[in-house]
Amino acid sequence: MNLTGWIVLAVAVVVALVLGYLVGAARTRSTLNQLQGPEQAALETTSAAGSSETTAQPQRRAAIIYNPTKSEMDTLKSVAATVFRNEGWDEPLFIETTKDDPGTSMAHEAREKGAEVVIAAGGDGTVRAVAQALAGTDVPMGIIPMGTGNLLARNLAVPLNRFEWAIRVALWGQDRVIDAAHLRTSPDGEDTLFTVMAGIGYDATVMSNTTENAKARIGWLAYVRQGWRQLLGKPTEVRIQFDDGQEETRKIRSILGGNCGKVQGGIELIPGAVIDDGYLDVLTVTPRNVAEWASVVTSIAGRSRKGMHADVTKCRSVTVRAEKKLDVQVDGDVLGETDFLELSVQPNALTVRTPSPEQERRIRLDALSLGIGR
């Protein structure tokens, strides 16, 4: 292999690693979050017992909608019982999700039973399902992050690795009204609400083709391997329309619409996306070869909204019509294939409990004292 060949190969490896991380980061939980064992639970319970923020009226009710497949559920229930008792709230109402319903009907049930706040305990799928039920209501949603990406929690600074703090934020945090977004994969199709991002093309294909077995064996490197395999695929011609503007024809590898843009590691996959500005931010990626993929990575790393092969457009809706069916994903879950994608924003749709300034300060101090990240 000549010098030029080695240079191309080196660039391709770097690009595949970075892209694999960017896709895998949205789906791979940190090791610390997985190590919530008995010692950590005991530490949380002790902290909860001595750190009540205020004297609450008894019999206040909250519901926790939880994914029963999560291994930390026994720990969560124990910590929740202690925190609720010490914060003056009634015993939490626990409602399990099912395979067929990841939380929407359970959140409706919680509202009917008088819950003042409905807490989603699980990954991004559980959060999205609970948000679907609460959007357009005045009932706030709390989040106990227990998933792989925990993307909405990351974007709203909800504690990721402390059940105690996540619960206390859900009970006493600051209400923040955020936008929601909606997706349809056919002109007359079912509407799917999402809170973070949805995409068509490369990112969805990488997620679709990465097996659970590979993720269990090698973690986020499974996405790197699959990202490498998909890197040099052919661009697809699409017609794309922002709001009521003229249709544009582009050859794309991926289109990603974001309500917010942060993934693991603090990386802004969609630079400048704001969760409560009443707009979507749509990232269009158009590389044809390894060198152009390198340009895409540079643009994202530099938080640039306008690059040679990647640009971000702010809009209220976007419609994509592709020449062939492509994979589509929403908040990291693959929905299948489609040649039509419509994304739109619903401003001020959902109230979410987020850390108050005082809670932010205490969470940071607590994390420093324990030598852990938030």
Protein backbone atom coordinates (compact mmCIF):
# COMPACT_ATOMS: atom_id res chain seq x y z
CA MET A 1 0.00 0.00 0.00
CA ASN A 2 1.38 3.42 -0.93
CA LEU A 3 1.53 6.47 1.36
CA THR A 4 -1.75 7.86 0.06
CA GLY A 5 -3.47 4.57 0.78
CA TRP A 6 -2.19 4.52 4.36
CA ILE A 7 -3.36 8.10 4.92
CA VAL A 8 -6.85 7.29 3.61
CA LEU A 9 -7.00 4.19 5.81
CA ALA A 10 -5.93 6.16 8.91
CA VAL A 11 -8.53 8.86 8.28
CA ALA A 12 -11.21 6.21 7.78
CA VAL A 13 -10.37 4.53 11.09
CA VAL A 14 -10.52 7.84 12.98
CA VAL A 15 -13.82 8.79 11.35
CA ALA A 16 -15.35 5.39 12.11
CA LEU A 17 -14.27 5.61 15.76
CA VAL A 18 -15.70 9.09 16.20
CA LEU A 19 -18.96 8.33 14.39
CA GLY A 20 -19.32 5.08 16.27
CA TYR A 21 -18.95 6.98 19.52
CA LEU A 22 -21.44 9.67 18.50
CA VAL A 23 -24.07 7.06 17.62
CA GLY A 24 -23.14 4.66 20.41
CA ALA A 25 -22.98 7.44 22.98
CA ALA A 26 -26.67 7.95 22.59
CA ARG A 27 -27.20 4.27 23.37
CA THR A 28 -24.45 3.23 25.83
CA ARG A 29 -24.69 3.90 29.52
CA SER A 30 -21.59 4.74 31.53
CA THR A 31 -20.07 2.07 33.75
CA LEU A 32 -20.79 4.09 36.86
CA ASN A 33 -24.51 4.09 36.15
CA GLN A 34 -24.45 0.29 35.97
CA LEU A 35 -22.73 -0.14 39.31
CA GLN A 36 -25.56 1.01 41.55
CA GLY A 37 -25.08 -1.80 44.07
CA PRO A 38 -26.00 -2.32 47.72
CA GLU A 39 -23.24 -0.05 49.06
CA GLN A 40 -24.39 2.84 46.86
CA ALA A 41 -28.01 2.21 47.84
CA ALA A 42 -27.08 2.31 51.51
CA LEU A 43 -25.22 5.57 50.98
CA GLU A 44 -28.24 7.08 49.22
CA THR A 45 -30.61 5.96 51.96
CA THR A 46 -28.41 7.49 54.63
CA SER A 47 -28.23 10.76 52.71
CA ALA A 48 -31.99 10.83 52.21
CA ALA A 49 -32.67 10.26 55.88
CA GLY A 50 -30.76 13.37 56.90
CA SER A 51 -31.33 15.80 54.05
CA SER A 52 -35.01 16.69 53.82
CA GLU A 53 -35.26 20.05 52.07
CA THR A 54 -38.58 21.19 53.43
CA THR A 55 -41.51 20.12 55.58
CA ALA A 56 -44.21 18.85 53.24
CA GLN A 57 -47.86 18.23 53.93
CA PRO A 58 -48.55 14.51 54.35
CA GLN A 59 -50.42 12.41 51.81
CA ARG A 60 -48.99 14.10 48.73
CA ARG A 61 -48.96 11.46 46.00
CA ALA A 62 -46.55 10.69 43.18
CA ALA A 63 -46.46 7.77 40.78
CA ILE A 64 -43.38 5.97 39.48
CA ILE A 65 -43.84 4.34 36.06
CA TYR A 66 -41.06 1.79 35.79
CA ASN A 67 -39.63 -0.73 33.38
CA PRO A 68 -39.57 -4.05 35.30
CA THR A 69 -36.71 -5.41 33.20
CA LYS A 70 -34.23 -3.01 34.83
CA SER A 71 -31.91 -4.83 37.22
CA GLU A 72 -31.78 -1.98 39.75
CA MET A 73 -35.52 -1.96 40.54
CA ASP A 74 -35.18 -3.47 44.03
CA THR A 75 -32.65 -0.78 44.91
CA LEU A 76 -34.84 1.95 43.44
CA LYS A 77 -37.92 0.82 45.40
CA SER A 78 -35.95 0.75 48.64
CA VAL A 79 -34.43 4.20 48.10
CA ALA A 80 -37.78 5.63 46.95
CA ALA A 81 -39.60 4.38 50.05
CA THR A 82 -37.05 6.08 52.31
CA VAL A 83 -36.89 9.35 50.39
CA PHE A 84 -40.67 9.67 50.08
CA ARG A 85 -41.13 9.00 53.79
CA ASN A 86 -38.48 11.51 54.84
CA GLU A 87 -39.79 14.15 52.43
CA GLY A 88 -43.30 13.87 53.86
CA TRP A 89 -44.91 12.28 50.80
CA ASP A 90 -47.25 9.32 50.77
CA GLU A 91 -45.85 5.95 49.67
CA PRO A 92 -45.18 6.09 45.91
CA LEU A 93 -47.59 4.45 43.53
CA PHE A 94 -45.51 2.00 41.45
CA ILE A 95 -46.93 1.00 38.06
CA GLU A 96 -45.13 -1.45 35.75
CA THR A 97 -44.80 -0.97 32.03
CA THR A 98 -45.38 -3.86 29.64
CA LYS A 99 -43.83 -5.05 26.41
CA ASP A 100 -46.83 -3.74 24.45
CA ASP A 101 -47.10 -0.45 26.36
CA PRO A 102 -43.87 1.19 27.58
CA GLY A 103 -45.71 3.65 29.82
CA THR A 104 -48.41 5.76 28.13
CA SER A 105 -51.54 4.11 29.60
CA MET A 106 -49.75 3.78 32.95
CA ALA A 107 -49.18 7.53 33.04
CA HIS A 108 -52.88 8.11 32.28
CA GLU A 109 -53.73 5.74 35.15
CA ALA A 110 -51.42 7.67 37.48
CA ARG A 111 -53.18 10.94 36.63
CA GLU A 112 -56.58 9.35 37.25
CA LYS A 113 -55.39 8.21 40.68
CA GLY A 114 -54.44 11.74 41.63
CA ALA A 115 -50.66 11.75 41.23
CA GLU A 116 -49.25 15.28 41.52
CA VAL A 117 -46.16 14.26 39.57
CA VAL A 118 -45.62 11.24 37.32
CA ILE A 119 -42.06 9.90 37.36
CA ALA A 120 -40.63 7.88 34.47
CA ALA A 121 -38.09 5.35 35.77
CA GLY A 122 -36.32 3.74 32.85
CA GLY A 123 -34.63 4.58 29.59
CA ASP A 124 -35.52 7.01 26.82
CA GLY A 125 -38.36 4.75 25.63
CA THR A 126 -40.10 4.88 29.01
CA VAL A 127 -39.56 8.64 29.23
CA ARG A 128 -41.00 9.13 25.75
CA ALA A 129 -44.09 7.02 26.52
CA VAL A 130 -44.84 8.87 29.76
CA ALA A 131 -44.29 12.21 28.01
CA GLN A 132 -46.83 11.16 25.36
CA ALA A 133 -49.50 10.94 28.09
CA LEU A 134 -48.51 14.12 29.94
CA ALA A 135 -47.99 16.46 26.97
CA GLY A 136 -50.59 19.20 26.96
CA THR A 137 -51.48 18.68 30.65
CA ASP A 138 -50.40 20.55 33.76
CA VAL A 139 -49.03 17.42 35.46
CA PRO A 140 -45.22 17.53 35.61
CA MET A 141 -42.99 14.62 34.67
CA GLY A 142 -40.06 13.54 36.80
CA ILE A 143 -37.22 11.37 35.50
CA ILE A 144 -35.23 8.61 37.19
CA PRO A 145 -32.64 7.73 34.52
CA MET A 146 -32.16 3.96 34.24
CA GLY A 147 -31.48 3.47 30.55
CA THR A 148 -28.64 3.41 28.08
CA GLY A 149 -28.59 6.92 26.68
CA ASN A 150 -30.77 8.85 29.18
CA LEU A 151 -30.74 11.67 26.66
CA LEU A 152 -33.54 13.88 28.00
CA ALA A 153 -32.11 13.62 31.51
CA ARG A 154 -28.70 14.67 30.21
CA ASN A 155 -30.09 17.68 28.42
CA LEU A 156 -32.01 18.81 31.52
CA ALA A 157 -29.21 18.15 34.05
CA VAL A 158 -31.20 15.48 35.93
CA PRO A 159 -28.76 13.41 38.06
CA LEU A 160 -27.80 10.23 36.25
CA ASN A 161 -26.21 8.06 38.90
CA ARG A 162 -27.98 8.89 42.16
CA PHE A 163 -31.49 7.56 42.66
CA GLU A 164 -31.91 9.66 45.80
CA TRP A 165 -31.21 12.93 44.00
CA ALA A 166 -33.29 12.04 40.95
CA ILE A 167 -36.25 11.33 43.22
CA ARG A 168 -35.82 14.51 45.24
CA VAL A 169 -35.60 16.55 42.03
CA ALA A 170 -38.84 14.89 40.85
CA LEU A 171 -40.57 15.82 44.14
CA TRP A 172 -39.19 19.30 44.81
CA GLY A 173 -37.41 20.42 41.66
CA GLN A 174 -38.03 23.40 39.43
CA ASP A 175 -40.72 23.01 36.77
CA ARG A 176 -39.45 23.67 33.27
CA VAL A 177 -41.82 23.82 30.31
CA ILE A 178 -40.19 22.32 27.22
CA ASP A 179 -41.16 21.67 23.63
CA ALA A 180 -42.09 18.24 22.34
CA ALA A 181 -41.67 17.00 18.79
CA HIS A 182 -43.79 14.70 16.63
CA LEU A 183 -42.92 12.18 13.94
CA ARG A 184 -44.92 10.52 11.20
CA THR A 185 -43.60 7.93 8.74
CA SER A 186 -46.48 8.26 6.25
CA PRO A 187 -48.68 11.23 5.29
CA ASP A 188 -51.69 9.74 7.12
CA GLY A 189 -49.71 7.72 9.62
CA GLU A 190 -49.73 7.50 13.38
CA ASP A 191 -48.20 10.40 15.29
CA THR A 192 -45.26 9.55 17.57
CA LEU A 193 -44.14 12.06 20.19
CA PHE A 194 -40.46 12.38 21.01
CA THR A 195 -38.45 14.61 23.30
CA VAL A 196 -34.86 14.45 22.03
CA MET A 197 -34.15 13.53 18.40
CA ALA A 198 -35.31 11.42 15.48
CA GLY A 199 -33.48 10.55 12.30
CA ILE A 200 -33.50 8.77 8.96
CA GLY A 201 -30.54 7.18 7.19
CA TYR A 202 -27.05 6.41 8.49
CA ASP A 203 -27.62 6.86 12.24
CA ALA A 204 -30.75 4.69 12.21
CA THR A 205 -29.05 2.04 10.05
CA VAL A 206 -26.13 1.77 12.48
CA MET A 207 -28.55 1.33 15.39
CA SER A 208 -30.68 -1.14 13.46
CA ASN A 209 -27.74 -3.37 12.53
CA THR A 210 -25.98 -3.38 15.91
CA THR A 211 -27.06 -6.54 17.72
CA GLU A 212 -27.83 -6.81 21.42
CA ASN A 213 -25.25 -9.59 21.66
CA ALA A 214 -22.53 -7.34 20.22
CA LYS A 215 -23.45 -4.52 22.62
CA ALA A 216 -23.32 -6.92 25.56
CA ARG A 217 -19.86 -8.18 24.51
CA ILE A 218 -18.04 -4.99 23.50
CA GLY A 219 -20.27 -2.07 24.53
CA TRP A 220 -20.21 1.08 22.40
CA LEU A 221 -17.44 -0.41 20.23
CA ALA A 222 -20.23 -2.46 18.64
CA TYR A 223 -21.49 0.80 17.14
CA VAL A 224 -17.99 1.67 15.95
CA ARG A 225 -17.76 -1.66 14.13
CA GLN A 226 -21.18 -1.23 12.56
CA GLY A 227 -20.47 2.42 11.79
CA TRP A 228 -17.34 1.35 9.90
CA ARG A 229 -19.33 -1.16 7.88
CA GLN A 230 -21.92 1.46 6.93
CA LEU A 231 -19.49 4.34 6.43
CA LEU A 232 -19.07 4.11 2.67
CA GLY A 233 -22.68 3.49 1.74
CA LYS A 234 -24.17 5.42 -1.14
CA PRO A 235 -26.00 8.71 -0.55
CA THR A 236 -29.76 8.67 -1.13
CA GLU A 237 -31.59 11.34 -3.10
CA VAL A 238 -34.34 13.02 -1.09
CA ARG A 239 -36.70 15.92 -1.45
CA ILE A 240 -36.71 17.98 1.73
CA GLN A 241 -39.06 20.82 2.66
CA PHE A 242 -38.58 23.09 5.68
CA ASP A 243 -41.83 24.66 6.94
CA ASP A 244 -43.76 26.02 3.92
CA GLY A 245 -40.67 26.66 1.82
CA GLN A 246 -39.69 25.27 -1.55
CA GLU A 247 -38.73 21.60 -1.78
CA GLU A 248 -34.99 21.05 -2.17
CA THR A 249 -33.36 17.98 -3.70
CA ARG A 250 -30.30 16.68 -1.86
CA LYS A 251 -28.24 13.52 -1.71
CA ILE A 252 -27.94 12.64 1.95
CA ARG A 253 -26.53 9.99 4.23
CA SER A 254 -28.57 11.09 7.25
CA ILE A 255 -31.14 13.64 8.41
CA LEU A 256 -31.53 14.15 12.15
CA GLY A 257 -34.16 16.39 13.71
CA GLY A 258 -33.48 17.48 17.28
CA ASN A 259 -35.51 19.06 20.06
CA CYS A 260 -32.19 19.19 21.91
CA GLY A 261 -28.75 18.06 20.86
CA LYS A 262 -26.54 16.80 23.69
CA VAL A 263 -25.40 13.15 23.95
CA GLN A 264 -22.92 11.40 26.21
CA GLY A 265 -19.61 13.05 26.93
CA GLY A 266 -21.18 16.50 26.62
CA ILE A 267 -21.00 16.24 22.82
CA GLU A 268 -23.49 18.46 20.99
CA LEU A 269 -24.53 16.24 18.12
CA ILE A 270 -26.83 19.03 16.90
CA PRO A 271 -25.04 22.29 17.73
CA GLY A 272 -27.23 25.10 19.02
CA ALA A 273 -30.41 23.07 19.55
CA VAL A 274 -32.53 24.54 22.40
CA ILE A 275 -35.25 22.50 24.06
CA ASP A 276 -37.70 25.33 24.73
CA ASP A 277 -37.32 27.76 21.81
CA GLY A 278 -40.33 26.55 19.81
CA TYR A 279 -38.19 25.20 16.96
CA LEU A 280 -36.61 21.99 15.70
CA ASP A 281 -32.98 21.93 14.62
CA VAL A 282 -32.45 19.65 11.62
CA LEU A 283 -28.98 18.27 10.86
CA THR A 284 -28.47 17.25 7.23
CA VAL A 285 -25.38 15.11 6.53
CA THR A 286 -24.20 14.74 2.92
CA PRO A 287 -20.72 13.10 2.73
CA ARG A 288 -19.75 10.88 -0.21
CA ASN A 289 -16.40 9.52 0.98
CA VAL A 290 -14.10 9.19 3.99
CA ALA A 291 -12.56 12.65 3.60
CA GLU A 292 -16.00 14.25 3.59
CA TRP A 293 -17.00 12.21 6.66
CA ALA A 294 -13.93 13.70 8.35
CA SER A 295 -15.32 17.13 7.51
CA VAL A 296 -18.64 16.19 9.12
CA VAL A 297 -16.87 15.13 12.32
CA THR A 298 -14.88 18.38 12.33
CA SER A 299 -18.05 20.44 11.96
CA ILE A 300 -19.79 18.66 14.85
CA ALA A 301 -16.72 18.79 17.08
CA GLY A 302 -16.39 22.51 16.34
CA ARG A 303 -20.11 23.08 17.02
CA SER A 304 -20.55 24.59 13.58
CA ARG A 305 -24.08 24.86 12.20
CA LYS A 306 -22.89 25.30 8.61
CA GLY A 307 -20.23 22.98 7.26
CA MET A 308 -19.31 21.72 3.80
CA HIS A 309 -21.04 18.39 4.29
CA ALA A 310 -23.22 18.97 7.37
CA ASP A 311 -25.53 21.85 8.16
CA VAL A 312 -28.23 22.62 10.71
CA THR A 313 -31.52 24.33 9.80
CA LYS A 314 -33.91 25.78 12.39
CA CYS A 315 -37.57 25.22 11.52
CA ARG A 316 -40.98 24.33 12.92
CA SER A 317 -41.47 21.35 10.62
CA VAL A 318 -39.60 19.34 8.02
CA THR A 319 -40.83 16.80 5.47
CA VAL A 320 -38.51 14.29 3.78
CA ARG A 321 -39.43 12.17 0.76
CA ALA A 322 -36.74 9.67 -0.19
CA GLU A 323 -36.19 7.80 -3.45
CA LYS A 324 -36.06 4.53 -1.47
CA LYS A 325 -36.91 3.30 2.01
CA LEU A 326 -34.40 4.10 4.74
CA ASP A 327 -34.12 3.13 8.39
CA VAL A 328 -35.69 5.58 10.86
CA GLN A 329 -35.14 5.96 14.60
CA VAL A 330 -36.71 8.02 17.37
CA ASP A 331 -34.83 8.77 20.61
CA GLY A 332 -32.54 5.87 19.77
CA ASP A 333 -35.26 3.26 19.12
CA VAL A 334 -35.47 1.92 15.56
CA LEU A 335 -38.99 2.14 14.08
CA GLY A 336 -38.33 0.33 10.78
CA GLU A 337 -37.99 1.64 7.23
CA THR A 338 -39.77 4.45 5.42
CA ASP A 339 -39.46 6.69 2.38
CA PHE A 340 -41.45 9.46 4.09
CA LEU A 341 -40.63 11.33 7.28
CA GLU A 342 -42.40 14.32 8.79
CA LEU A 343 -41.12 16.02 11.94
CA SER A 344 -42.82 18.93 13.69
CA VAL A 345 -42.51 20.81 16.97
CA GLN A 346 -45.16 21.34 19.65
CA PRO A 347 -44.03 24.39 21.64
CA ASN A 348 -44.45 24.51 25.43
CA ALA A 349 -45.91 21.01 25.42
CA LEU A 350 -44.51 19.33 28.52
CA THR A 351 -43.61 20.28 32.09
CA VAL A 352 -40.55 18.48 33.45
CA ARG A 353 -39.08 18.64 36.95
CA THR A 354 -35.45 19.77 36.78
CA PRO A 355 -32.93 20.60 39.53
CA SER A 356 -33.44 23.93 41.27
CA PRO A 357 -30.33 26.12 41.65
CA GLU A 358 -29.99 25.01 45.28
CA GLN A 359 -30.32 21.35 44.29
CA GLU A 360 -27.73 21.85 41.55
CA ARG A 361 -25.31 23.22 44.16
CA ARG A 362 -25.93 20.40 46.61
CA ILE A 363 -25.70 17.72 43.90
CA ARG A 364 -22.29 19.07 42.86
CA LEU A 365 -21.05 19.16 46.45
CA ASP A 366 -22.37 15.67 47.10
CA ALA A 367 -20.71 14.32 43.95
CA LEU A 368 -17.40 15.92 44.90
CA SER A 369 -17.53 14.45 48.40
CA LEU A 370 -18.14 10.98 46.97
CA GLY A 371 -15.67 11.36 44.11
CA ILE A 372 -18.23 10.62 41.40
CA GLY A 373 -19.72 12.42 38.40
CA ARG A 374 -23.28 13.67 38.32
